[in-house]
Amino acid sequence: MLVEAAARVLAEEGAAALTSRRLAAEIDSSTMVVFSRFQSMAEIHWAVREEGFARLNARLDVLAASDDPVADLVAAGAVFFNSGLANPHMYKAMFIDRPPEDDNLGAETFERLVTLIQRCVAAGRFSAAQESLVPVWAAQLWSMRHGLVTMTVAELLPSEQARFVLDDMTYRLLVGYGDDPSRAKLSIEQGIRAAADAEEAMS
């Protein structure tokens, strides 16, 4: 409850509004309760990010590896998008606000993406692959998904339209990486289904 309240204040009003008194009021309690758990506002900000990444990684953990690594890559992207829409306040603390010093909580999520791309390369799906391009492609896919989540939670793009754009851009990137267009389409369909099944399992 406290971390949720902190995420909401950070997202709606910024770090300057995140005070012990404000948090105590948000949870209808006292500042003593706040400081019994956290020693500073920096600790609370870190806790918000930690909780956000824990929720995202828990959703990604539900995805089972299939015999189609491209479908698995697509599924992870869909889960990332859905997680951002489900936790918009935490998403802002995770990916939009400047992280606290020495905070590397997003590294595991990025490495997951790199590993998924490496599986696609190993399976021979990305014929344009070079080892040096793998982190570049991960950054491209990450920034595409992040941009669409950000536009959607900011209500600049309806969610269904954003999902269409996400699928279309994913297809174009996959083909650009060297995947066969027909196989890419099938993998996108399979990945979307797998993400939907994972979301249902989490509910």
N, C-alpha and C. Protein backbone atom coordinates (compact mmCIF):
# COMPACT_ATOMS: atom_id res chain seq x y z
N MET A 1 0.81 -1.20 0.00
CA MET A 1 0.00 0.00 0.00
C MET A 1 0.86 1.27 0.00
N LEU A 2 1.91 1.28 0.82
CA LEU A 2 2.79 2.43 0.91
C LEU A 2 3.55 2.64 -0.40
N VAL A 3 4.06 1.55 -0.98
CA VAL A 3 4.79 1.65 -2.23
C VAL A 3 3.87 2.09 -3.35
N GLU A 4 2.66 1.58 -3.38
CA GLU A 4 1.67 1.98 -4.38
C GLU A 4 1.39 3.48 -4.28
N ALA A 5 1.21 3.96 -3.05
CA ALA A 5 0.95 5.38 -2.83
C ALA A 5 2.13 6.23 -3.29
N ALA A 6 3.33 5.78 -2.99
CA ALA A 6 4.53 6.50 -3.41
C ALA A 6 4.63 6.56 -4.93
N ALA A 7 4.31 5.46 -5.58
CA ALA A 7 4.35 5.42 -7.04
C ALA A 7 3.36 6.42 -7.63
N ARG A 8 2.19 6.49 -7.04
CA ARG A 8 1.17 7.41 -7.53
C ARG A 8 1.60 8.86 -7.37
N VAL A 9 2.17 9.20 -6.22
CA VAL A 9 2.63 10.57 -5.99
C VAL A 9 3.76 10.93 -6.95
N LEU A 10 4.72 10.02 -7.12
CA LEU A 10 5.83 10.27 -8.04
C LEU A 10 5.33 10.51 -9.46
N ALA A 11 4.39 9.69 -9.90
CA ALA A 11 3.91 9.78 -11.27
C ALA A 11 3.09 11.03 -11.50
N GLU A 12 2.26 11.40 -10.54
CA GLU A 12 1.32 12.50 -10.74
C GLU A 12 1.90 13.86 -10.38
N GLU A 13 2.84 13.90 -9.43
CA GLU A 13 3.30 15.19 -8.95
C GLU A 13 4.81 15.35 -8.90
N GLY A 14 5.55 14.27 -9.12
CA GLY A 14 6.99 14.37 -9.15
C GLY A 14 7.65 14.14 -7.80
N ALA A 15 8.99 14.02 -7.84
CA ALA A 15 9.75 13.67 -6.64
C ALA A 15 9.63 14.71 -5.54
N ALA A 16 9.46 15.98 -5.90
CA ALA A 16 9.38 17.04 -4.89
C ALA A 16 8.17 16.86 -3.97
N ALA A 17 7.13 16.21 -4.47
CA ALA A 17 5.92 16.01 -3.67
C ALA A 17 6.01 14.80 -2.77
N LEU A 18 7.05 13.99 -2.95
CA LEU A 18 7.17 12.75 -2.18
C LEU A 18 7.81 13.05 -0.82
N THR A 19 6.96 13.27 0.17
CA THR A 19 7.42 13.56 1.52
C THR A 19 6.78 12.55 2.48
N SER A 20 7.35 12.45 3.67
CA SER A 20 6.79 11.52 4.65
C SER A 20 5.37 11.92 5.04
N ARG A 21 5.14 13.20 5.18
CA ARG A 21 3.79 13.65 5.54
C ARG A 21 2.78 13.33 4.43
N ARG A 22 3.21 13.57 3.22
CA ARG A 22 2.29 13.30 2.11
C ARG A 22 1.97 11.82 2.02
N LEU A 23 2.97 10.97 2.17
CA LEU A 23 2.73 9.53 2.12
C LEU A 23 1.85 9.08 3.29
N ALA A 24 2.10 9.62 4.46
CA ALA A 24 1.28 9.26 5.62
C ALA A 24 -0.17 9.62 5.37
N ALA A 25 -0.40 10.78 4.76
CA ALA A 25 -1.77 11.19 4.46
C ALA A 25 -2.39 10.29 3.41
N GLU A 26 -1.59 9.88 2.42
CA GLU A 26 -2.09 9.02 1.35
C GLU A 26 -2.57 7.67 1.88
N ILE A 27 -1.88 7.16 2.90
CA ILE A 27 -2.26 5.84 3.43
C ILE A 27 -3.04 5.96 4.74
N ASP A 28 -3.41 7.21 5.06
CA ASP A 28 -4.20 7.47 6.27
C ASP A 28 -3.52 6.91 7.51
N SER A 29 -2.25 7.29 7.67
CA SER A 29 -1.48 6.80 8.80
C SER A 29 -0.58 7.92 9.31
N SER A 30 0.50 7.55 10.00
CA SER A 30 1.42 8.54 10.56
C SER A 30 2.77 8.45 9.89
N THR A 31 3.57 9.51 10.06
CA THR A 31 4.92 9.49 9.49
C THR A 31 5.77 8.40 10.15
N MET A 32 5.42 8.04 11.38
CA MET A 32 6.15 6.96 12.05
C MET A 32 6.06 5.65 11.27
N VAL A 33 4.87 5.40 10.69
CA VAL A 33 4.68 4.18 9.88
C VAL A 33 5.59 4.22 8.66
N VAL A 34 5.68 5.39 8.04
CA VAL A 34 6.54 5.54 6.86
C VAL A 34 7.99 5.24 7.23
N PHE A 35 8.47 5.88 8.29
CA PHE A 35 9.88 5.73 8.65
C PHE A 35 10.19 4.42 9.37
N SER A 36 9.16 3.68 9.74
CA SER A 36 9.41 2.34 10.28
C SER A 36 9.83 1.38 9.17
N ARG A 37 9.50 1.74 7.94
CA ARG A 37 9.86 0.89 6.79
C ARG A 37 11.01 1.47 5.97
N PHE A 38 11.06 2.79 5.87
CA PHE A 38 12.07 3.43 5.03
C PHE A 38 12.74 4.58 5.78
N GLN A 39 14.03 4.75 5.51
CA GLN A 39 14.79 5.78 6.21
C GLN A 39 14.84 7.08 5.43
N SER A 40 14.53 7.03 4.15
CA SER A 40 14.62 8.24 3.32
C SER A 40 13.68 8.14 2.13
N MET A 41 13.47 9.28 1.47
CA MET A 41 12.66 9.29 0.26
C MET A 41 13.37 8.54 -0.88
N ALA A 42 14.70 8.58 -0.86
CA ALA A 42 15.45 7.83 -1.88
C ALA A 42 15.18 6.34 -1.77
N GLU A 43 15.09 5.84 -0.54
CA GLU A 43 14.78 4.42 -0.33
C GLU A 43 13.38 4.09 -0.85
N ILE A 44 12.45 5.00 -0.64
CA ILE A 44 11.08 4.76 -1.12
C ILE A 44 11.05 4.75 -2.64
N HIS A 45 11.75 5.69 -3.27
CA HIS A 45 11.82 5.73 -4.73
C HIS A 45 12.40 4.42 -5.26
N TRP A 46 13.47 3.95 -4.61
CA TRP A 46 14.09 2.68 -5.02
C TRP A 46 13.11 1.53 -4.85
N ALA A 47 12.34 1.54 -3.75
CA ALA A 47 11.38 0.47 -3.49
C ALA A 47 10.28 0.44 -4.55
N VAL A 48 9.87 1.62 -5.01
CA VAL A 48 8.86 1.69 -6.07
C VAL A 48 9.39 1.02 -7.34
N ARG A 49 10.62 1.35 -7.70
CA ARG A 49 11.22 0.76 -8.89
C ARG A 49 11.41 -0.75 -8.72
N GLU A 50 11.87 -1.15 -7.53
CA GLU A 50 12.07 -2.58 -7.28
C GLU A 50 10.76 -3.34 -7.42
N GLU A 51 9.69 -2.81 -6.87
CA GLU A 51 8.39 -3.47 -6.96
C GLU A 51 7.91 -3.53 -8.41
N GLY A 52 8.12 -2.45 -9.13
CA GLY A 52 7.71 -2.42 -10.53
C GLY A 52 8.43 -3.47 -11.35
N PHE A 53 9.74 -3.58 -11.19
CA PHE A 53 10.49 -4.59 -11.95
C PHE A 53 10.16 -5.99 -11.48
N ALA A 54 9.88 -6.16 -10.19
CA ALA A 54 9.49 -7.48 -9.69
C ALA A 54 8.18 -7.92 -10.34
N ARG A 55 7.24 -7.00 -10.47
CA ARG A 55 5.96 -7.34 -11.10
C ARG A 55 6.15 -7.66 -12.58
N LEU A 56 6.96 -6.86 -13.26
CA LEU A 56 7.21 -7.12 -14.68
C LEU A 56 7.88 -8.46 -14.87
N ASN A 57 8.93 -8.74 -14.09
CA ASN A 57 9.64 -10.01 -14.25
C ASN A 57 8.79 -11.21 -13.87
N ALA A 58 7.88 -11.01 -12.90
CA ALA A 58 6.97 -12.10 -12.54
C ALA A 58 6.06 -12.43 -13.72
N ARG A 59 5.60 -11.41 -14.43
CA ARG A 59 4.75 -11.65 -15.60
C ARG A 59 5.54 -12.32 -16.71
N LEU A 60 6.79 -11.91 -16.89
CA LEU A 60 7.62 -12.53 -17.92
C LEU A 60 7.96 -13.97 -17.56
N ASP A 61 8.09 -14.25 -16.26
CA ASP A 61 8.40 -15.62 -15.82
C ASP A 61 7.31 -16.61 -16.18
N VAL A 62 6.09 -16.13 -16.32
CA VAL A 62 4.97 -17.02 -16.64
C VAL A 62 5.08 -17.55 -18.07
N LEU A 63 5.79 -16.82 -18.92
CA LEU A 63 5.93 -17.25 -20.31
C LEU A 63 6.84 -18.47 -20.39
N ALA A 64 6.32 -19.54 -20.93
CA ALA A 64 7.13 -20.75 -21.11
C ALA A 64 7.85 -20.68 -22.45
N ALA A 65 9.10 -21.14 -22.48
CA ALA A 65 9.85 -21.17 -23.74
C ALA A 65 9.20 -22.19 -24.67
N SER A 66 9.04 -21.79 -25.93
CA SER A 66 8.45 -22.68 -26.92
C SER A 66 9.51 -23.08 -27.93
N ASP A 67 9.10 -23.82 -28.96
CA ASP A 67 10.04 -24.21 -30.01
C ASP A 67 10.17 -23.12 -31.07
N ASP A 68 9.52 -21.97 -30.85
CA ASP A 68 9.61 -20.84 -31.77
C ASP A 68 10.16 -19.64 -31.01
N PRO A 69 11.47 -19.38 -31.09
CA PRO A 69 12.06 -18.29 -30.32
C PRO A 69 11.55 -16.91 -30.74
N VAL A 70 11.15 -16.76 -31.99
CA VAL A 70 10.61 -15.47 -32.42
C VAL A 70 9.25 -15.21 -31.77
N ALA A 71 8.44 -16.26 -31.67
CA ALA A 71 7.16 -16.13 -30.97
C ALA A 71 7.40 -15.77 -29.51
N ASP A 72 8.43 -16.35 -28.90
CA ASP A 72 8.74 -16.03 -27.50
C ASP A 72 9.18 -14.58 -27.35
N LEU A 73 9.92 -14.08 -28.33
CA LEU A 73 10.34 -12.68 -28.33
C LEU A 73 9.13 -11.75 -28.43
N VAL A 74 8.20 -12.11 -29.30
CA VAL A 74 6.98 -11.32 -29.47
C VAL A 74 6.14 -11.36 -28.19
N ALA A 75 6.02 -12.53 -27.60
CA ALA A 75 5.23 -12.68 -26.37
C ALA A 75 5.78 -11.80 -25.26
N ALA A 76 7.10 -11.78 -25.12
CA ALA A 76 7.72 -10.94 -24.08
C ALA A 76 7.41 -9.47 -24.33
N GLY A 77 7.41 -9.06 -25.58
CA GLY A 77 7.08 -7.67 -25.90
C GLY A 77 5.65 -7.33 -25.56
N ALA A 78 4.73 -8.25 -25.84
CA ALA A 78 3.33 -8.03 -25.51
C ALA A 78 3.12 -7.95 -24.00
N VAL A 79 3.81 -8.80 -23.26
CA VAL A 79 3.71 -8.78 -21.80
C VAL A 79 4.28 -7.48 -21.24
N PHE A 80 5.39 -7.02 -21.79
CA PHE A 80 5.97 -5.74 -21.38
C PHE A 80 4.95 -4.62 -21.59
N PHE A 81 4.33 -4.60 -22.75
CA PHE A 81 3.33 -3.57 -23.07
C PHE A 81 2.16 -3.65 -22.09
N ASN A 82 1.64 -4.84 -21.88
CA ASN A 82 0.49 -5.01 -20.98
C ASN A 82 0.84 -4.63 -19.54
N SER A 83 2.07 -4.95 -19.12
CA SER A 83 2.49 -4.63 -17.76
C SER A 83 2.56 -3.12 -17.56
N GLY A 84 3.04 -2.41 -18.57
CA GLY A 84 3.11 -0.96 -18.47
C GLY A 84 1.74 -0.32 -18.34
N LEU A 85 0.77 -0.85 -19.09
CA LEU A 85 -0.59 -0.32 -19.02
C LEU A 85 -1.25 -0.67 -17.70
N ALA A 86 -0.90 -1.83 -17.13
CA ALA A 86 -1.50 -2.27 -15.87
C ALA A 86 -0.92 -1.54 -14.67
N ASN A 87 0.32 -1.05 -14.78
CA ASN A 87 0.99 -0.38 -13.66
C ASN A 87 1.58 0.95 -14.12
N PRO A 88 0.75 1.88 -14.58
CA PRO A 88 1.30 3.11 -15.19
C PRO A 88 2.12 3.97 -14.24
N HIS A 89 1.73 4.02 -12.96
CA HIS A 89 2.49 4.84 -12.02
C HIS A 89 3.88 4.25 -11.78
N MET A 90 3.93 2.94 -11.60
CA MET A 90 5.23 2.30 -11.41
C MET A 90 6.06 2.35 -12.68
N TYR A 91 5.41 2.23 -13.82
CA TYR A 91 6.13 2.28 -15.09
C TYR A 91 6.88 3.59 -15.23
N LYS A 92 6.24 4.68 -14.82
CA LYS A 92 6.91 5.98 -14.91
C LYS A 92 8.15 6.02 -14.04
N ALA A 93 8.05 5.49 -12.82
CA ALA A 93 9.21 5.45 -11.93
C ALA A 93 10.30 4.53 -12.48
N MET A 94 9.89 3.47 -13.18
CA MET A 94 10.85 2.51 -13.71
C MET A 94 11.59 3.02 -14.94
N PHE A 95 10.86 3.66 -15.85
CA PHE A 95 11.40 3.92 -17.18
C PHE A 95 11.42 5.37 -17.62
N ILE A 96 10.78 6.26 -16.88
CA ILE A 96 10.73 7.65 -17.31
C ILE A 96 11.49 8.56 -16.36
N ASP A 97 11.25 8.42 -15.06
CA ASP A 97 11.99 9.22 -14.08
C ASP A 97 13.45 8.79 -14.04
N ARG A 98 14.32 9.73 -13.69
CA ARG A 98 15.73 9.38 -13.54
C ARG A 98 15.88 8.44 -12.34
N PRO A 99 16.59 7.32 -12.52
CA PRO A 99 16.73 6.37 -11.40
C PRO A 99 17.67 6.91 -10.33
N PRO A 100 17.55 6.41 -9.10
CA PRO A 100 18.50 6.77 -8.06
C PRO A 100 19.91 6.35 -8.46
N GLU A 101 20.90 6.97 -7.86
CA GLU A 101 22.29 6.66 -8.17
C GLU A 101 22.59 5.19 -7.86
N ASP A 102 23.37 4.57 -8.75
CA ASP A 102 23.79 3.17 -8.61
C ASP A 102 22.61 2.19 -8.70
N ASP A 103 21.52 2.62 -9.28
CA ASP A 103 20.36 1.75 -9.45
C ASP A 103 20.47 1.05 -10.80
N ASN A 104 20.52 -0.27 -10.80
CA ASN A 104 20.66 -1.04 -12.03
C ASN A 104 19.55 -2.08 -12.15
N LEU A 105 18.37 -1.72 -11.63
CA LEU A 105 17.28 -2.69 -11.56
C LEU A 105 16.78 -3.14 -12.93
N GLY A 106 16.93 -2.31 -13.94
CA GLY A 106 16.43 -2.68 -15.26
C GLY A 106 17.34 -3.59 -16.05
N ALA A 107 18.53 -3.87 -15.53
CA ALA A 107 19.51 -4.66 -16.29
C ALA A 107 19.00 -6.07 -16.58
N GLU A 108 18.35 -6.69 -15.59
CA GLU A 108 17.87 -8.06 -15.79
C GLU A 108 16.83 -8.12 -16.91
N THR A 109 15.95 -7.13 -16.95
CA THR A 109 14.93 -7.10 -17.98
C THR A 109 15.55 -6.95 -19.36
N PHE A 110 16.54 -6.08 -19.47
CA PHE A 110 17.21 -5.91 -20.76
C PHE A 110 17.95 -7.18 -21.17
N GLU A 111 18.59 -7.83 -20.22
CA GLU A 111 19.32 -9.07 -20.53
C GLU A 111 18.37 -10.17 -20.99
N ARG A 112 17.17 -10.19 -20.45
CA ARG A 112 16.16 -11.14 -20.93
C ARG A 112 15.93 -10.93 -22.43
N LEU A 113 15.82 -9.67 -22.82
CA LEU A 113 15.57 -9.35 -24.22
C LEU A 113 16.75 -9.76 -25.08
N VAL A 114 17.94 -9.50 -24.63
CA VAL A 114 19.15 -9.91 -25.37
C VAL A 114 19.17 -11.42 -25.55
N THR A 115 18.85 -12.16 -24.49
CA THR A 115 18.86 -13.63 -24.55
C THR A 115 17.82 -14.14 -25.55
N LEU A 116 16.64 -13.51 -25.57
CA LEU A 116 15.60 -13.92 -26.51
C LEU A 116 16.06 -13.70 -27.95
N ILE A 117 16.73 -12.59 -28.20
CA ILE A 117 17.23 -12.32 -29.55
C ILE A 117 18.32 -13.31 -29.92
N GLN A 118 19.19 -13.62 -28.99
CA GLN A 118 20.25 -14.61 -29.25
C GLN A 118 19.66 -15.97 -29.61
N ARG A 119 18.55 -16.34 -28.99
CA ARG A 119 17.88 -17.60 -29.34
C ARG A 119 17.39 -17.56 -30.78
N CYS A 120 16.85 -16.42 -31.19
CA CYS A 120 16.38 -16.28 -32.58
C CYS A 120 17.54 -16.39 -33.56
N VAL A 121 18.66 -15.80 -33.21
CA VAL A 121 19.84 -15.87 -34.07
C VAL A 121 20.34 -17.31 -34.15
N ALA A 122 20.41 -17.98 -33.00
CA ALA A 122 20.91 -19.36 -32.97
C ALA A 122 20.02 -20.30 -33.77
N ALA A 123 18.73 -19.97 -33.83
CA ALA A 123 17.79 -20.80 -34.58
C ALA A 123 17.81 -20.50 -36.07
N GLY A 124 18.61 -19.54 -36.48
CA GLY A 124 18.72 -19.21 -37.90
C GLY A 124 17.60 -18.34 -38.43
N ARG A 125 16.85 -17.73 -37.54
CA ARG A 125 15.71 -16.91 -38.00
C ARG A 125 16.13 -15.51 -38.46
N PHE A 126 17.21 -14.98 -37.90
CA PHE A 126 17.64 -13.63 -38.25
C PHE A 126 18.91 -13.71 -39.09
N SER A 127 18.73 -13.75 -40.40
CA SER A 127 19.86 -13.98 -41.30
C SER A 127 20.82 -12.79 -41.36
N ALA A 128 20.36 -11.62 -40.96
CA ALA A 128 21.22 -10.43 -40.99
C ALA A 128 22.05 -10.30 -39.72
N ALA A 129 22.04 -11.33 -38.89
CA ALA A 129 22.64 -11.23 -37.56
C ALA A 129 24.16 -11.10 -37.60
N GLN A 130 24.64 -10.23 -36.71
CA GLN A 130 26.04 -10.14 -36.33
C GLN A 130 26.03 -9.99 -34.81
N GLU A 131 27.01 -10.56 -34.15
CA GLU A 131 27.02 -10.53 -32.69
C GLU A 131 26.92 -9.10 -32.16
N SER A 132 27.58 -8.18 -32.83
CA SER A 132 27.58 -6.79 -32.36
C SER A 132 26.22 -6.12 -32.50
N LEU A 133 25.35 -6.70 -33.35
CA LEU A 133 24.03 -6.11 -33.57
C LEU A 133 23.01 -6.54 -32.53
N VAL A 134 23.26 -7.61 -31.82
CA VAL A 134 22.26 -8.13 -30.88
C VAL A 134 21.84 -7.08 -29.84
N PRO A 135 22.77 -6.43 -29.14
CA PRO A 135 22.33 -5.40 -28.19
C PRO A 135 21.68 -4.20 -28.86
N VAL A 136 22.07 -3.93 -30.10
CA VAL A 136 21.45 -2.83 -30.85
C VAL A 136 19.99 -3.17 -31.13
N TRP A 137 19.75 -4.40 -31.58
CA TRP A 137 18.38 -4.83 -31.85
C TRP A 137 17.55 -4.85 -30.56
N ALA A 138 18.18 -5.26 -29.46
CA ALA A 138 17.47 -5.24 -28.17
C ALA A 138 17.05 -3.83 -27.82
N ALA A 139 17.94 -2.88 -28.05
CA ALA A 139 17.62 -1.48 -27.76
C ALA A 139 16.50 -0.98 -28.67
N GLN A 140 16.51 -1.42 -29.93
CA GLN A 140 15.45 -1.01 -30.86
C GLN A 140 14.08 -1.53 -30.41
N LEU A 141 14.03 -2.81 -30.07
CA LEU A 141 12.77 -3.40 -29.63
C LEU A 141 12.30 -2.78 -28.32
N TRP A 142 13.23 -2.57 -27.39
CA TRP A 142 12.90 -1.97 -26.10
C TRP A 142 12.33 -0.56 -26.31
N SER A 143 13.01 0.26 -27.11
CA SER A 143 12.57 1.65 -27.30
C SER A 143 11.23 1.71 -28.01
N MET A 144 10.98 0.79 -28.94
CA MET A 144 9.69 0.74 -29.62
C MET A 144 8.57 0.45 -28.62
N ARG A 145 8.77 -0.56 -27.79
CA ARG A 145 7.75 -0.92 -26.81
C ARG A 145 7.56 0.19 -25.79
N HIS A 146 8.68 0.75 -25.33
CA HIS A 146 8.61 1.82 -24.34
C HIS A 146 7.85 3.03 -24.89
N GLY A 147 8.15 3.40 -26.12
CA GLY A 147 7.47 4.54 -26.72
C GLY A 147 5.97 4.35 -26.80
N LEU A 148 5.55 3.15 -27.16
CA LEU A 148 4.11 2.89 -27.28
C LEU A 148 3.43 2.83 -25.92
N VAL A 149 4.11 2.27 -24.91
CA VAL A 149 3.53 2.29 -23.57
C VAL A 149 3.39 3.73 -23.09
N THR A 150 4.43 4.52 -23.28
CA THR A 150 4.42 5.91 -22.81
C THR A 150 3.30 6.71 -23.48
N MET A 151 3.14 6.55 -24.79
CA MET A 151 2.09 7.27 -25.50
C MET A 151 0.70 6.82 -25.05
N THR A 152 0.57 5.54 -24.74
CA THR A 152 -0.73 5.01 -24.35
C THR A 152 -1.12 5.47 -22.95
N VAL A 153 -0.20 5.37 -21.99
CA VAL A 153 -0.55 5.78 -20.62
C VAL A 153 -0.73 7.29 -20.53
N ALA A 154 -0.11 8.03 -21.46
CA ALA A 154 -0.31 9.48 -21.50
C ALA A 154 -1.59 9.85 -22.25
N GLU A 155 -2.32 8.83 -22.71
CA GLU A 155 -3.58 9.00 -23.43
C GLU A 155 -3.40 9.78 -24.74
N LEU A 156 -2.23 9.58 -25.35
CA LEU A 156 -1.97 10.17 -26.66
C LEU A 156 -2.32 9.19 -27.78
N LEU A 157 -2.52 7.92 -27.41
CA LEU A 157 -2.81 6.87 -28.39
C LEU A 157 -3.72 5.85 -27.73
N PRO A 158 -4.86 5.53 -28.34
CA PRO A 158 -5.74 4.50 -27.75
C PRO A 158 -5.02 3.17 -27.68
N SER A 159 -5.31 2.38 -26.66
CA SER A 159 -4.57 1.14 -26.44
C SER A 159 -4.69 0.17 -27.62
N GLU A 160 -5.87 0.05 -28.20
CA GLU A 160 -6.01 -0.89 -29.32
C GLU A 160 -5.21 -0.44 -30.53
N GLN A 161 -5.17 0.86 -30.76
CA GLN A 161 -4.36 1.38 -31.87
C GLN A 161 -2.88 1.15 -31.57
N ALA A 162 -2.49 1.34 -30.31
CA ALA A 162 -1.09 1.12 -29.93
C ALA A 162 -0.71 -0.34 -30.12
N ARG A 163 -1.61 -1.27 -29.80
CA ARG A 163 -1.32 -2.69 -29.98
C ARG A 163 -1.12 -3.01 -31.46
N PHE A 164 -1.94 -2.40 -32.32
CA PHE A 164 -1.79 -2.62 -33.76
C PHE A 164 -0.43 -2.11 -34.23
N VAL A 165 -0.06 -0.91 -33.78
CA VAL A 165 1.23 -0.33 -34.16
C VAL A 165 2.37 -1.20 -33.65
N LEU A 166 2.23 -1.70 -32.41
CA LEU A 166 3.26 -2.56 -31.84
C LEU A 166 3.47 -3.80 -32.70
N ASP A 167 2.38 -4.45 -33.08
CA ASP A 167 2.50 -5.67 -33.90
C ASP A 167 3.09 -5.36 -35.27
N ASP A 168 2.66 -4.24 -35.87
CA ASP A 168 3.14 -3.89 -37.19
C ASP A 168 4.63 -3.55 -37.16
N MET A 169 5.04 -2.75 -36.19
CA MET A 169 6.44 -2.38 -36.08
C MET A 169 7.31 -3.59 -35.75
N THR A 170 6.78 -4.48 -34.90
CA THR A 170 7.51 -5.70 -34.59
C THR A 170 7.74 -6.52 -35.85
N TYR A 171 6.70 -6.68 -36.66
CA TYR A 171 6.83 -7.42 -37.92
C TYR A 171 7.91 -6.81 -38.81
N ARG A 172 7.90 -5.51 -38.94
CA ARG A 172 8.86 -4.84 -39.83
C ARG A 172 10.29 -4.99 -39.31
N LEU A 173 10.45 -4.93 -38.00
CA LEU A 173 11.78 -5.12 -37.44
C LEU A 173 12.25 -6.57 -37.63
N LEU A 174 11.37 -7.53 -37.38
CA LEU A 174 11.75 -8.93 -37.54
C LEU A 174 12.21 -9.22 -38.97
N VAL A 175 11.46 -8.72 -39.92
CA VAL A 175 11.83 -8.92 -41.33
C VAL A 175 13.14 -8.21 -41.63
N GLY A 176 13.31 -7.02 -41.04
CA GLY A 176 14.56 -6.29 -41.22
C GLY A 176 15.76 -7.03 -40.65
N TYR A 177 15.53 -7.82 -39.61
CA TYR A 177 16.60 -8.62 -39.03
C TYR A 177 16.90 -9.87 -39.85
N GLY A 178 16.07 -10.11 -40.85
CA GLY A 178 16.32 -11.23 -41.75
C GLY A 178 15.34 -12.37 -41.66
N ASP A 179 14.27 -12.22 -40.87
CA ASP A 179 13.29 -13.30 -40.75
C ASP A 179 12.44 -13.39 -42.01
N ASP A 180 11.99 -14.58 -42.31
CA ASP A 180 11.08 -14.78 -43.45
C ASP A 180 9.75 -14.13 -43.13
N PRO A 181 9.19 -13.31 -44.03
CA PRO A 181 7.95 -12.58 -43.74
C PRO A 181 6.79 -13.48 -43.31
N SER A 182 6.62 -14.61 -43.99
CA SER A 182 5.51 -15.50 -43.64
C SER A 182 5.71 -16.11 -42.25
N ARG A 183 6.93 -16.53 -41.96
CA ARG A 183 7.21 -17.11 -40.66
C ARG A 183 7.07 -16.04 -39.56
N ALA A 184 7.49 -14.82 -39.88
CA ALA A 184 7.38 -13.73 -38.91
C ALA A 184 5.92 -13.49 -38.53
N LYS A 185 5.03 -13.49 -39.51
CA LYS A 185 3.61 -13.29 -39.24
C LYS A 185 3.05 -14.39 -38.33
N LEU A 186 3.42 -15.63 -38.64
CA LEU A 186 2.94 -16.74 -37.82
C LEU A 186 3.48 -16.65 -36.39
N SER A 187 4.74 -16.25 -36.27
CA SER A 187 5.34 -16.14 -34.94
C SER A 187 4.68 -15.02 -34.14
N ILE A 188 4.33 -13.94 -34.80
CA ILE A 188 3.65 -12.84 -34.10
C ILE A 188 2.30 -13.31 -33.59
N GLU A 189 1.56 -14.04 -34.41
CA GLU A 189 0.26 -14.55 -33.97
C GLU A 189 0.43 -15.50 -32.79
N GLN A 190 1.43 -16.38 -32.86
CA GLN A 190 1.67 -17.34 -31.78
C GLN A 190 2.11 -16.60 -30.51
N GLY A 191 2.96 -15.62 -30.66
CA GLY A 191 3.44 -14.86 -29.51
C GLY A 191 2.34 -14.09 -28.82
N ILE A 192 1.45 -13.50 -29.56
CA ILE A 192 0.32 -12.77 -28.99
C ILE A 192 -0.58 -13.71 -28.20
N ARG A 193 -0.82 -14.90 -28.75
CA ARG A 193 -1.63 -15.90 -28.03
C ARG A 193 -0.95 -16.32 -26.73
N ALA A 194 0.37 -16.54 -26.80
CA ALA A 194 1.10 -16.96 -25.60
C ALA A 194 1.06 -15.88 -24.53
N ALA A 195 1.16 -14.62 -24.92
CA ALA A 195 1.07 -13.53 -23.96
C ALA A 195 -0.30 -13.45 -23.32
N ALA A 196 -1.33 -13.66 -24.13
CA ALA A 196 -2.71 -13.64 -23.61
C ALA A 196 -2.91 -14.78 -22.62
N ASP A 197 -2.37 -15.95 -22.93
CA ASP A 197 -2.48 -17.10 -22.01
C ASP A 197 -1.76 -16.81 -20.70
N ALA A 198 -0.60 -16.17 -20.79
CA ALA A 198 0.17 -15.84 -19.59
C ALA A 198 -0.57 -14.82 -18.74
N GLU A 199 -1.18 -13.84 -19.38
CA GLU A 199 -1.95 -12.84 -18.64
C GLU A 199 -3.14 -13.49 -17.93
N GLU A 200 -3.78 -14.43 -18.60
CA GLU A 200 -4.91 -15.13 -18.00
C GLU A 200 -4.46 -15.95 -16.80
N ALA A 201 -3.29 -16.57 -16.94
CA ALA A 201 -2.77 -17.39 -15.83
C ALA A 201 -2.44 -16.53 -14.61
N MET A 202 -2.08 -15.28 -14.84
CA MET A 202 -1.72 -14.38 -13.74
C MET A 202 -2.95 -13.80 -13.06
N SER A 203 -4.08 -13.80 -13.73
CA SER A 203 -5.29 -13.17 -13.18
C SER A 203 -6.00 -14.08 -12.19
